Amino acid sequence: MTPLQLKLARTAIGLTIRELAQIADVAPSTIVRLETAVGVSQRRTIEHLRTILETRGVLFVEAEPGASATIRLTE
């Protein structure tokens, strides 16, 4: 999950930074750092957020050569 995919997924399902942070039990500043690619070494947190977003209908689409990774909604 790229920083852009995180932000796209969060906004696509209508969650604010604070709401996602509360659901994931992390600080809002953590979400901001991950969405802006600052301090992205928190692999466990990234996977936790991805799981939360996937259970809410987000499908993460890997990038093809020359394209950007994106998301789709499954519901």
N, C-alpha and C. Protein backbone atom coordinates (compact mmCIF):
# COMPACT_ATOMS: atom_id res chain seq x y z
N MET A 1 0.85 -1.17 0.00
CA MET A 1 0.00 0.00 0.00
C MET A 1 0.90 1.24 0.00
N THR A 2 0.70 2.07 -0.99
CA THR A 2 1.47 3.30 -1.10
C THR A 2 0.82 4.41 -0.27
N PRO A 3 1.55 5.47 0.01
CA PRO A 3 0.94 6.60 0.72
C PRO A 3 -0.29 7.14 -0.01
N LEU A 4 -0.21 7.25 -1.33
CA LEU A 4 -1.36 7.74 -2.10
C LEU A 4 -2.54 6.79 -1.99
N GLN A 5 -2.29 5.49 -2.06
CA GLN A 5 -3.38 4.52 -1.92
C GLN A 5 -4.05 4.64 -0.55
N LEU A 6 -3.27 4.85 0.49
CA LEU A 6 -3.84 5.01 1.83
C LEU A 6 -4.78 6.20 1.85
N LYS A 7 -4.33 7.32 1.33
CA LYS A 7 -5.16 8.53 1.33
C LYS A 7 -6.41 8.35 0.46
N LEU A 8 -6.23 7.77 -0.72
CA LEU A 8 -7.38 7.52 -1.61
C LEU A 8 -8.40 6.60 -0.95
N ALA A 9 -7.92 5.54 -0.33
CA ALA A 9 -8.81 4.57 0.32
C ALA A 9 -9.57 5.22 1.47
N ARG A 10 -8.86 5.95 2.29
CA ARG A 10 -9.50 6.59 3.44
C ARG A 10 -10.59 7.56 3.00
N THR A 11 -10.27 8.40 2.02
CA THR A 11 -11.27 9.37 1.57
C THR A 11 -12.40 8.71 0.79
N ALA A 12 -12.11 7.65 0.04
CA ALA A 12 -13.14 6.97 -0.75
C ALA A 12 -14.23 6.37 0.12
N ILE A 13 -13.85 5.92 1.32
CA ILE A 13 -14.87 5.35 2.20
C ILE A 13 -15.36 6.35 3.24
N GLY A 14 -14.94 7.60 3.09
CA GLY A 14 -15.49 8.67 3.90
C GLY A 14 -14.95 8.80 5.31
N LEU A 15 -13.72 8.37 5.53
CA LEU A 15 -13.14 8.48 6.87
C LEU A 15 -12.18 9.67 6.93
N THR A 16 -12.25 10.40 8.03
CA THR A 16 -11.26 11.45 8.27
C THR A 16 -10.00 10.80 8.83
N ILE A 17 -8.95 11.59 8.90
CA ILE A 17 -7.71 11.09 9.51
C ILE A 17 -7.98 10.67 10.95
N ARG A 18 -8.68 11.50 11.68
CA ARG A 18 -8.98 11.17 13.09
C ARG A 18 -9.81 9.90 13.23
N GLU A 19 -10.80 9.73 12.36
CA GLU A 19 -11.65 8.54 12.43
C GLU A 19 -10.84 7.27 12.16
N LEU A 20 -10.02 7.28 11.12
CA LEU A 20 -9.21 6.11 10.82
C LEU A 20 -8.22 5.84 11.95
N ALA A 21 -7.64 6.88 12.47
CA ALA A 21 -6.70 6.72 13.59
C ALA A 21 -7.39 6.08 14.79
N GLN A 22 -8.60 6.52 15.09
CA GLN A 22 -9.34 5.95 16.21
C GLN A 22 -9.67 4.48 15.97
N ILE A 23 -10.11 4.14 14.78
CA ILE A 23 -10.44 2.75 14.45
C ILE A 23 -9.19 1.87 14.56
N ALA A 24 -8.05 2.39 14.09
CA ALA A 24 -6.81 1.61 14.08
C ALA A 24 -6.05 1.69 15.40
N ASP A 25 -6.52 2.53 16.30
CA ASP A 25 -5.86 2.72 17.60
C ASP A 25 -4.43 3.22 17.44
N VAL A 26 -4.29 4.24 16.59
CA VAL A 26 -3.01 4.91 16.39
C VAL A 26 -3.24 6.42 16.49
N ALA A 27 -2.18 7.17 16.61
CA ALA A 27 -2.29 8.63 16.66
C ALA A 27 -2.61 9.19 15.27
N PRO A 28 -3.41 10.25 15.20
CA PRO A 28 -3.67 10.86 13.89
C PRO A 28 -2.38 11.26 13.17
N SER A 29 -1.36 11.64 13.91
CA SER A 29 -0.09 12.01 13.28
C SER A 29 0.55 10.83 12.55
N THR A 30 0.26 9.63 13.01
CA THR A 30 0.77 8.43 12.33
C THR A 30 0.15 8.32 10.93
N ILE A 31 -1.15 8.56 10.85
CA ILE A 31 -1.84 8.51 9.55
C ILE A 31 -1.26 9.58 8.63
N VAL A 32 -1.07 10.79 9.16
CA VAL A 32 -0.52 11.89 8.36
C VAL A 32 0.87 11.51 7.84
N ARG A 33 1.72 10.97 8.70
CA ARG A 33 3.07 10.57 8.26
C ARG A 33 3.01 9.51 7.18
N LEU A 34 2.14 8.54 7.33
CA LEU A 34 2.05 7.46 6.35
C LEU A 34 1.49 7.95 5.01
N GLU A 35 0.55 8.90 5.06
CA GLU A 35 -0.02 9.44 3.82
C GLU A 35 0.94 10.38 3.10
N THR A 36 1.90 10.92 3.82
CA THR A 36 2.85 11.84 3.19
C THR A 36 4.21 11.20 3.00
N ALA A 37 4.30 9.90 3.24
CA ALA A 37 5.52 9.12 3.02
C ALA A 37 6.67 9.52 3.95
N VAL A 38 6.35 10.15 5.07
CA VAL A 38 7.38 10.50 6.06
C VAL A 38 7.33 9.46 7.16
N GLY A 39 8.42 8.75 7.38
CA GLY A 39 8.45 7.73 8.43
C GLY A 39 7.63 6.50 8.09
N VAL A 40 7.79 5.99 6.88
CA VAL A 40 6.98 4.87 6.41
C VAL A 40 7.55 3.52 6.80
N SER A 41 8.35 3.44 7.80
CA SER A 41 8.97 2.17 8.16
C SER A 41 8.11 1.34 9.11
N GLN A 42 6.92 1.76 9.37
CA GLN A 42 6.05 1.08 10.32
C GLN A 42 5.23 0.00 9.61
N ARG A 43 5.89 -1.08 9.21
CA ARG A 43 5.28 -2.13 8.41
C ARG A 43 4.04 -2.73 9.08
N ARG A 44 4.10 -2.99 10.36
CA ARG A 44 2.97 -3.59 11.07
C ARG A 44 1.75 -2.66 11.04
N THR A 45 1.99 -1.37 11.25
CA THR A 45 0.90 -0.40 11.22
C THR A 45 0.30 -0.30 9.83
N ILE A 46 1.13 -0.30 8.81
CA ILE A 46 0.65 -0.23 7.43
C ILE A 46 -0.23 -1.44 7.11
N GLU A 47 0.21 -2.61 7.50
CA GLU A 47 -0.58 -3.83 7.25
C GLU A 47 -1.89 -3.80 8.03
N HIS A 48 -1.87 -3.29 9.24
CA HIS A 48 -3.08 -3.17 10.06
C HIS A 48 -4.08 -2.23 9.39
N LEU A 49 -3.59 -1.09 8.92
CA LEU A 49 -4.47 -0.14 8.23
C LEU A 49 -5.02 -0.73 6.95
N ARG A 50 -4.19 -1.43 6.21
CA ARG A 50 -4.65 -2.07 4.97
C ARG A 50 -5.78 -3.06 5.25
N THR A 51 -5.62 -3.86 6.28
CA THR A 51 -6.66 -4.83 6.65
C THR A 51 -7.96 -4.12 7.02
N ILE A 52 -7.86 -3.05 7.79
CA ILE A 52 -9.05 -2.28 8.17
C ILE A 52 -9.76 -1.76 6.93
N LEU A 53 -9.01 -1.18 6.02
CA LEU A 53 -9.61 -0.60 4.81
C LEU A 53 -10.19 -1.69 3.90
N GLU A 54 -9.51 -2.81 3.79
CA GLU A 54 -10.02 -3.91 2.96
C GLU A 54 -11.33 -4.46 3.53
N THR A 55 -11.47 -4.54 4.83
CA THR A 55 -12.72 -5.04 5.42
C THR A 55 -13.86 -4.06 5.21
N ARG A 56 -13.53 -2.84 4.84
CA ARG A 56 -14.55 -1.82 4.56
C ARG A 56 -14.78 -1.65 3.06
N GLY A 57 -14.28 -2.56 2.25
CA GLY A 57 -14.60 -2.58 0.84
C GLY A 57 -13.57 -1.98 -0.11
N VAL A 58 -12.35 -1.77 0.37
CA VAL A 58 -11.31 -1.22 -0.50
C VAL A 58 -10.48 -2.36 -1.09
N LEU A 59 -10.24 -2.29 -2.38
CA LEU A 59 -9.38 -3.24 -3.07
C LEU A 59 -8.15 -2.46 -3.55
N PHE A 60 -6.97 -2.89 -3.13
CA PHE A 60 -5.74 -2.22 -3.52
C PHE A 60 -5.24 -2.84 -4.82
N VAL A 61 -5.06 -2.01 -5.84
CA VAL A 61 -4.66 -2.45 -7.17
C VAL A 61 -3.19 -2.09 -7.36
N GLU A 62 -2.38 -3.10 -7.61
CA GLU A 62 -0.94 -2.89 -7.82
C GLU A 62 -0.71 -2.19 -9.15
N ALA A 63 0.35 -1.44 -9.21
CA ALA A 63 0.67 -0.67 -10.42
C ALA A 63 1.23 -1.56 -11.51
N GLU A 64 0.80 -1.30 -12.73
CA GLU A 64 1.40 -1.94 -13.90
C GLU A 64 2.58 -1.08 -14.30
N PRO A 65 3.51 -1.60 -15.06
CA PRO A 65 4.65 -0.79 -15.49
C PRO A 65 4.20 0.52 -16.15
N GLY A 66 4.74 1.62 -15.67
CA GLY A 66 4.40 2.92 -16.21
C GLY A 66 3.13 3.53 -15.65
N ALA A 67 2.49 2.87 -14.69
CA ALA A 67 1.25 3.38 -14.12
C ALA A 67 1.40 3.51 -12.60
N SER A 68 0.46 4.21 -12.01
CA SER A 68 0.46 4.38 -10.55
C SER A 68 -0.48 3.35 -9.92
N ALA A 69 -0.10 2.90 -8.72
CA ALA A 69 -0.99 2.02 -7.97
C ALA A 69 -2.25 2.79 -7.61
N THR A 70 -3.36 2.11 -7.51
CA THR A 70 -4.63 2.77 -7.22
C THR A 70 -5.49 1.89 -6.33
N ILE A 71 -6.74 2.27 -6.17
CA ILE A 71 -7.69 1.47 -5.38
C ILE A 71 -8.99 1.34 -6.16
N ARG A 72 -9.80 0.40 -5.70
CA ARG A 72 -11.18 0.26 -6.19
C ARG A 72 -12.04 -0.06 -4.98
N LEU A 73 -13.30 0.26 -5.07
CA LEU A 73 -14.23 -0.11 -4.02
C LEU A 73 -14.96 -1.38 -4.46
N THR A 74 -15.09 -2.32 -3.54
CA THR A 74 -15.73 -3.58 -3.88
C THR A 74 -17.21 -3.58 -3.57
N GLU A 75 -17.66 -2.62 -2.81
CA GLU A 75 -19.09 -2.60 -2.46
C GLU A 75 -19.75 -1.36 -2.99
